C-alpha atoms as a PDB file:
ATOM      1  CA  UNK A   1     156.534 104.867 125.778  1.00  0.00           C
ATOM      2  CA  UNK A   2     154.480 104.913 123.010  1.00  0.00           C
ATOM      3  CA  UNK A   3     156.234 107.472 121.174  1.00  0.00           C
ATOM      4  CA  UNK A   4     152.314 109.196 120.466  1.00  0.00           C
ATOM      5  CA  UNK A   5     152.367 110.222 123.907  1.00  0.00           C
ATOM      6  CA  UNK A   6     155.756 111.636 123.391  1.00  0.00           C
ATOM      7  CA  UNK A   7     155.877 115.781 123.689  1.00  0.00           C
ATOM      8  CA  UNK A   8     156.769 117.248 120.596  1.00  0.00           C
ATOM      9  CA  UNK A   9     159.776 119.353 121.957  1.00  0.00           C
ATOM     10  CA  UNK A  10     161.537 117.319 124.771  1.00  0.00           C
ATOM     11  CA  UNK A  11     165.365 116.233 125.132  1.00  0.00           C
ATOM     12  CA  UNK A  12     166.084 113.128 125.177  1.00  0.00           C
ATOM     13  CA  UNK A  13     169.750 111.544 125.868  1.00  0.00           C
ATOM     14  CA  UNK A  14     171.683 108.771 127.315  1.00  0.00           C
ATOM     15  CA  UNK A  15     172.780 110.746 130.782  1.00  0.00           C
ATOM     16  CA  UNK A  16     174.163 110.473 133.745  1.00  0.00           C
ATOM     17  CA  UNK A  17     174.114 113.184 136.711  1.00  0.00           C
ATOM     18  CA  UNK A  18     176.918 115.116 135.668  1.00  0.00           C
ATOM     19  CA  UNK A  19     177.457 114.279 131.663  1.00  0.00           C
ATOM     20  CA  UNK A  20     174.949 113.714 128.380  1.00  0.00           C
ATOM     21  CA  UNK A  21     175.724 111.676 125.599  1.00  0.00           C
ATOM     22  CA  UNK A  22     176.007 113.104 122.152  1.00  0.00           C
ATOM     23  CA  UNK A  23     176.724 112.043 118.560  1.00  0.00           C
ATOM     24  CA  UNK A  24     178.386 113.197 115.128  1.00  0.00           C
ATOM     25  CA  UNK A  25     179.719 111.292 111.995  1.00  0.00           C
ATOM     26  CA  UNK A  26     183.241 111.876 110.633  1.00  0.00           C
ATOM     27  CA  UNK A  27     185.268 110.453 108.544  1.00  0.00           C
ATOM     28  CA  UNK A  28     187.689 108.177 109.287  1.00  0.00           C
ATOM     29  CA  UNK A  29     190.839 110.348 109.422  1.00  0.00           C
ATOM     30  CA  UNK A  30     189.169 112.439 112.130  1.00  0.00           C
ATOM     31  CA  UNK A  31     186.608 110.066 113.693  1.00  0.00           C
ATOM     32  CA  UNK A  32     189.547 107.376 114.506  1.00  0.00           C
ATOM     33  CA  UNK A  33     191.712 109.661 116.479  1.00  0.00           C
ATOM     34  CA  UNK A  34     189.193 111.349 118.303  1.00  0.00           C
ATOM     35  CA  UNK A  35     188.463 108.035 119.670  1.00  0.00           C
ATOM     36  CA  UNK A  36     191.672 106.789 120.404  1.00  0.00           C
ATOM     37  CA  UNK A  37     192.599 109.778 122.156  1.00  0.00           C
ATOM     38  CA  UNK A  38     189.548 111.298 123.793  1.00  0.00           C
ATOM     39  CA  UNK A  39     189.863 114.592 121.979  1.00  0.00           C
ATOM     40  CA  UNK A  40     189.448 115.916 118.162  1.00  0.00           C
ATOM     41  CA  UNK A  41     192.869 115.476 116.174  1.00  0.00           C
ATOM     42  CA  UNK A  42     194.226 119.084 114.695  1.00  0.00           C
ATOM     43  CA  UNK A  43     192.388 118.617 111.396  1.00  0.00           C
ATOM     44  CA  UNK A  44     189.053 119.211 113.003  1.00  0.00           C
ATOM     45  CA  UNK A  45     188.307 122.692 112.056  1.00  0.00           C
ATOM     46  CA  UNK A  46     186.817 123.988 115.199  1.00  0.00           C
ATOM     47  CA  UNK A  47     186.064 127.939 113.235  1.00  0.00           C
ATOM     48  CA  UNK A  48     183.340 126.085 111.777  1.00  0.00           C
ATOM     49  CA  UNK A  49     179.755 125.185 113.095  1.00  0.00           C
ATOM     50  CA  UNK A  50     179.188 121.282 114.529  1.00  0.00           C
ATOM     51  CA  UNK A  51     176.106 120.164 115.049  1.00  0.00           C
ATOM     52  CA  UNK A  52     175.639 117.370 117.852  1.00  0.00           C
ATOM     53  CA  UNK A  53     172.497 114.913 118.407  1.00  0.00           C
ATOM     54  CA  UNK A  54     171.268 113.549 121.624  1.00  0.00           C
ATOM     55  CA  UNK A  55     169.654 111.132 119.667  1.00  0.00           C
ATOM     56  CA  UNK A  56     171.031 107.949 118.080  1.00  0.00           C
ATOM     57  CA  UNK A  57     168.713 107.184 116.044  1.00  0.00           C
ATOM     58  CA  UNK A  58     168.431 110.510 114.156  1.00  0.00           C
ATOM     59  CA  UNK A  59     171.815 110.372 113.449  1.00  0.00           C
ATOM     60  CA  UNK A  60     171.978 106.947 111.954  1.00  0.00           C
ATOM     61  CA  UNK A  61     169.213 108.716 109.856  1.00  0.00           C
ATOM     62  CA  UNK A  62     171.486 111.650 109.087  1.00  0.00           C
ATOM     63  CA  UNK A  63     175.061 109.302 108.156  1.00  0.00           C
ATOM     64  CA  UNK A  64     172.865 106.379 106.537  1.00  0.00           C
ATOM     65  CA  UNK A  65     173.975 103.904 109.882  1.00  0.00           C
ATOM     66  CA  UNK A  66     177.892 105.070 108.942  1.00  0.00           C
ATOM     67  CA  UNK A  67     177.478 104.128 105.139  1.00  0.00           C
ATOM     68  CA  UNK A  68     177.925 107.902 103.866  1.00  0.00           C
ATOM     69  CA  UNK A  69     180.539 109.427 102.567  1.00  0.00           C
ATOM     70  CA  UNK A  70     182.449 111.690 105.248  1.00  0.00           C
ATOM     71  CA  UNK A  71     180.428 110.090 107.988  1.00  0.00           C
ATOM     72  CA  UNK A  72     182.024 106.789 108.041  1.00  0.00           C
ATOM     73  CA  UNK A  73     183.049 106.689 111.936  1.00  0.00           C
ATOM     74  CA  UNK A  74     179.720 107.519 114.288  1.00  0.00           C
ATOM     75  CA  UNK A  75     181.207 108.382 117.861  1.00  0.00           C
ATOM     76  CA  UNK A  76     179.179 108.817 120.950  1.00  0.00           C
ATOM     77  CA  UNK A  77     180.896 111.665 122.396  1.00  0.00           C
ATOM     78  CA  UNK A  78     180.035 112.199 126.344  1.00  0.00           C
ATOM     79  CA  UNK A  79     180.454 115.273 127.477  1.00  0.00           C
ATOM     80  CA  UNK A  80     179.872 117.847 130.525  1.00  0.00           C
ATOM     81  CA  UNK A  81     175.842 118.139 131.171  1.00  0.00           C
ATOM     82  CA  UNK A  82     176.684 121.995 132.558  1.00  0.00           C
ATOM     83  CA  UNK A  83     178.157 122.856 129.391  1.00  0.00           C
ATOM     84  CA  UNK A  84     175.174 121.301 127.235  1.00  0.00           C
ATOM     85  CA  UNK A  85     173.142 123.174 129.523  1.00  0.00           C
ATOM     86  CA  UNK A  86     175.234 126.393 128.724  1.00  0.00           C
ATOM     87  CA  UNK A  87     174.764 125.987 125.221  1.00  0.00           C
ATOM     88  CA  UNK A  88     171.002 125.683 125.408  1.00  0.00           C
ATOM     89  CA  UNK A  89     170.904 128.642 127.443  1.00  0.00           C
ATOM     90  CA  UNK A  90     172.441 130.823 124.779  1.00  0.00           C
ATOM     91  CA  UNK A  91     171.014 128.880 121.879  1.00  0.00           C
ATOM     92  CA  UNK A  92     168.769 130.632 119.415  1.00  0.00           C
ATOM     93  CA  UNK A  93     166.563 128.959 116.971  1.00  0.00           C
ATOM     94  CA  UNK A  94     167.496 128.040 113.665  1.00  0.00           C
ATOM     95  CA  UNK A  95     164.433 129.516 111.959  1.00  0.00           C
ATOM     96  CA  UNK A  96     162.447 132.236 112.669  1.00  0.00           C
ATOM     97  CA  UNK A  97     159.264 131.760 114.982  1.00  0.00           C
ATOM     98  CA  UNK A  98     157.355 135.317 115.137  1.00  0.00           C
ATOM     99  CA  UNK A  99     155.723 134.573 118.610  1.00  0.00           C
ATOM    100  CA  UNK A 100     159.505 134.036 120.178  1.00  0.00           C
ATOM    101  CA  UNK A 101     161.419 136.455 118.117  1.00  0.00           C
ATOM    102  CA  UNK A 102     159.398 139.502 116.996  1.00  0.00           C
ATOM    103  CA  UNK A 103     160.615 140.572 113.580  1.00  0.00           C
ATOM    104  CA  UNK A 104     162.882 139.013 111.204  1.00  0.00           C
ATOM    105  CA  UNK A 105     165.521 141.380 111.647  1.00  0.00           C
ATOM    106  CA  UNK A 106     165.297 140.935 115.753  1.00  0.00           C
ATOM    107  CA  UNK A 107     165.832 137.270 115.289  1.00  0.00           C
ATOM    108  CA  UNK A 108     168.650 137.280 112.207  1.00  0.00           C
ATOM    109  CA  UNK A 109     170.501 139.889 115.424  1.00  0.00           C
ATOM    110  CA  UNK A 110     170.258 137.020 117.983  1.00  0.00           C
ATOM    111  CA  UNK A 111     171.404 134.283 115.625  1.00  0.00           C
ATOM    112  CA  UNK A 112     174.472 136.010 114.908  1.00  0.00           C
ATOM    113  CA  UNK A 113     175.105 136.812 118.596  1.00  0.00           C
ATOM    114  CA  UNK A 114     174.637 133.352 119.579  1.00  0.00           C
ATOM    115  CA  UNK A 115     177.294 130.713 119.874  1.00  0.00           C
ATOM    116  CA  UNK A 116     174.660 127.986 119.834  1.00  0.00           C
ATOM    117  CA  UNK A 117     171.743 126.977 117.619  1.00  0.00           C
ATOM    118  CA  UNK A 118     168.640 124.586 117.896  1.00  0.00           C
ATOM    119  CA  UNK A 119     166.936 123.183 115.167  1.00  0.00           C
ATOM    120  CA  UNK A 120     164.120 120.272 115.675  1.00  0.00           C
ATOM    121  CA  UNK A 121     163.577 117.527 113.143  1.00  0.00           C
ATOM    122  CA  UNK A 122     161.157 114.661 113.268  1.00  0.00           C
ATOM    123  CA  UNK A 123     162.647 111.960 115.638  1.00  0.00           C
ATOM    124  CA  UNK A 124     163.208 108.273 113.619  1.00  0.00           C
ATOM    125  CA  UNK A 125     161.824 105.234 114.186  1.00  0.00           C
ATOM    126  CA  UNK A 126     164.544 101.859 113.893  1.00  0.00           C
ATOM    127  CA  UNK A 127     163.510 101.908 109.987  1.00  0.00           C
ATOM    128  CA  UNK A 128     164.535 105.924 109.989  1.00  0.00           C
ATOM    129  CA  UNK A 129     160.688 106.723 109.212  1.00  0.00           C
ATOM    130  CA  UNK A 130     159.992 109.843 110.824  1.00  0.00           C
ATOM    131  CA  UNK A 131     158.097 110.214 114.085  1.00  0.00           C
ATOM    132  CA  UNK A 132     155.767 112.632 115.353  1.00  0.00           C
ATOM    133  CA  UNK A 133     157.777 113.917 118.321  1.00  0.00           C
ATOM    134  CA  UNK A 134     160.976 116.449 117.459  1.00  0.00           C
ATOM    135  CA  UNK A 135     164.458 115.519 118.079  1.00  0.00           C
ATOM    136  CA  UNK A 136     167.253 118.131 119.072  1.00  0.00           C
ATOM    137  CA  UNK A 137     169.807 119.114 117.103  1.00  0.00           C
ATOM    138  CA  UNK A 138     172.568 121.813 118.611  1.00  0.00           C
ATOM    139  CA  UNK A 139     174.964 123.453 116.755  1.00  0.00           C
ATOM    140  CA  UNK A 140     178.113 125.187 118.343  1.00  0.00           C
ATOM    141  CA  UNK A 141     179.844 128.322 116.848  1.00  0.00           C
ATOM    142  CA  UNK A 142     182.890 130.392 118.132  1.00  0.00           C
ATOM    143  CA  UNK A 143     182.975 130.172 121.867  1.00  0.00           C
ATOM    144  CA  UNK A 144     180.470 127.390 122.510  1.00  0.00           C
ATOM    145  CA  UNK A 145     182.601 125.290 119.580  1.00  0.00           C
ATOM    146  CA  UNK A 146     186.222 125.918 121.506  1.00  0.00           C
ATOM    147  CA  UNK A 147     184.403 125.411 125.042  1.00  0.00           C
ATOM    148  CA  UNK A 148     183.065 121.856 123.196  1.00  0.00           C
ATOM    149  CA  UNK A 149     186.368 120.821 122.334  1.00  0.00           C
ATOM    150  CA  UNK A 150     188.463 121.944 124.566  1.00  0.00           C
ATOM    151  CA  UNK A 151     186.454 121.863 127.964  1.00  0.00           C
ATOM    152  CA  UNK A 152     183.067 119.708 127.622  1.00  0.00           C
ATOM    153  CA  UNK A 153     184.579 116.484 126.299  1.00  0.00           C
ATOM    154  CA  UNK A 154     184.455 113.658 128.791  1.00  0.00           C
ATOM    155  CA  UNK A 155     184.983 110.576 126.350  1.00  0.00           C
ATOM    156  CA  UNK A 156     184.923 109.562 122.937  1.00  0.00           C
ATOM    157  CA  UNK A 157     183.729 106.386 121.931  1.00  0.00           C
ATOM    158  CA  UNK A 158     183.094 104.982 118.215  1.00  0.00           C
ATOM    159  CA  UNK A 159     180.261 103.280 117.988  1.00  0.00           C
ATOM    160  CA  UNK A 160     179.950 102.069 114.637  1.00  0.00           C
ATOM    161  CA  UNK A 161     180.533  98.273 115.109  1.00  0.00           C
ATOM    162  CA  UNK A 162     177.220  99.098 117.317  1.00  0.00           C
ATOM    163  CA  UNK A 163     175.761 100.939 114.582  1.00  0.00           C
ATOM    164  CA  UNK A 164     176.412  98.035 111.739  1.00  0.00           C
ATOM    165  CA  UNK A 165     174.987  95.594 114.335  1.00  0.00           C
ATOM    166  CA  UNK A 166     171.737  97.248 114.810  1.00  0.00           C
ATOM    167  CA  UNK A 167     171.220  97.585 111.267  1.00  0.00           C
ATOM    168  CA  UNK A 168     171.995  94.400 110.280  1.00  0.00           C
ATOM    169  CA  UNK A 169     169.019  93.374 112.631  1.00  0.00           C
ATOM    170  CA  UNK A 170     167.050  96.038 111.222  1.00  0.00           C
ATOM    171  CA  UNK A 171     167.585  94.642 107.626  1.00  0.00           C
ATOM    172  CA  UNK A 172     166.912  91.002 109.255  1.00  0.00           C
ATOM    173  CA  UNK A 173     163.786  91.874 110.449  1.00  0.00           C
ATOM    174  CA  UNK A 174     164.652  91.223 114.413  1.00  0.00           C
ATOM    175  CA  UNK A 175     163.439  94.173 115.510  1.00  0.00           C
ATOM    176  CA  UNK A 176     163.227  93.234 118.874  1.00  0.00           C
ATOM    177  CA  UNK A 177     166.834  92.619 119.241  1.00  0.00           C
ATOM    178  CA  UNK A 178     167.585  95.513 117.068  1.00  0.00           C
ATOM    179  CA  UNK A 179     165.461  98.055 119.847  1.00  0.00           C
ATOM    180  CA  UNK A 180     167.674  96.266 122.729  1.00  0.00           C
ATOM    181  CA  UNK A 181     170.737  97.122 121.880  1.00  0.00           C
ATOM    182  CA  UNK A 182     169.797 101.204 121.067  1.00  0.00           C
ATOM    183  CA  UNK A 183     171.406 103.226 123.899  1.00  0.00           C
ATOM    184  CA  UNK A 184     168.880 104.280 126.586  1.00  0.00           C
ATOM    185  CA  UNK A 185     167.764 108.017 125.795  1.00  0.00           C
ATOM    186  CA  UNK A 186     165.481 109.227 128.862  1.00  0.00           C
ATOM    187  CA  UNK A 187     164.058 112.666 129.176  1.00  0.00           C
ATOM    188  CA  UNK A 188     166.318 115.076 130.247  1.00  0.00           C
ATOM    189  CA  UNK A 189     165.268 117.193 132.713  1.00  0.00           C
ATOM    190  CA  UNK A 190     165.251 120.939 132.091  1.00  0.00           C
ATOM    191  CA  UNK A 191     163.856 124.058 133.489  1.00  0.00           C
ATOM    192  CA  UNK A 192     160.949 125.044 131.157  1.00  0.00           C
ATOM    193  CA  UNK A 193     161.977 128.641 130.459  1.00  0.00           C
ATOM    194  CA  UNK A 194     165.020 127.489 128.761  1.00  0.00           C
ATOM    195  CA  UNK A 195     162.864 125.146 126.006  1.00  0.00           C
ATOM    196  CA  UNK A 196     160.156 127.864 125.910  1.00  0.00           C
ATOM    197  CA  UNK A 197     162.627 130.286 124.209  1.00  0.00           C
ATOM    198  CA  UNK A 198     163.471 127.079 121.889  1.00  0.00           C
ATOM    199  CA  UNK A 199     160.089 125.652 120.753  1.00  0.00           C
ATOM    200  CA  UNK A 200     159.633 125.761 117.294  1.00  0.00           C
END
């Protein structure tokens, strides 16, 4: 679809009827064991907020195709779809929108209570240039981070070689070949009431 016709706020992801794939990038000491064992190692800090991204290309923008320090191992993490939806339903926008939250103090109270937060950033193209529509980032903390690590993960795959291959094709100007290797991300059917609270 021509990106100019994409809805500005829409969750697009690789998904099945029961799972959704998100991306994260870690240093090899965490990413390697996570991919081998299908769960995060003890060194993974569950008390920190962890950000998951359904967009492969936004992850590539964030981690520089797996070249940035501390983000050398790119993981595709397949998680339970219901868990992801639970996080969205219990999320708060990461910035204040008066029409949604009322005054700033009310928003800050919501943000403190929420186990998840949503941020919308410009989606990225193959050259990692910003596009007109937005890509979801979902931050998980507290109960959400624990459920993510302990209950929602179905499988973890190291997709660093894929990132390197696509990056090489982009650098060589072979954009059609690069696009053909991208994960197939489709709109995730969501109740409008879920997104209504989360549109920036």
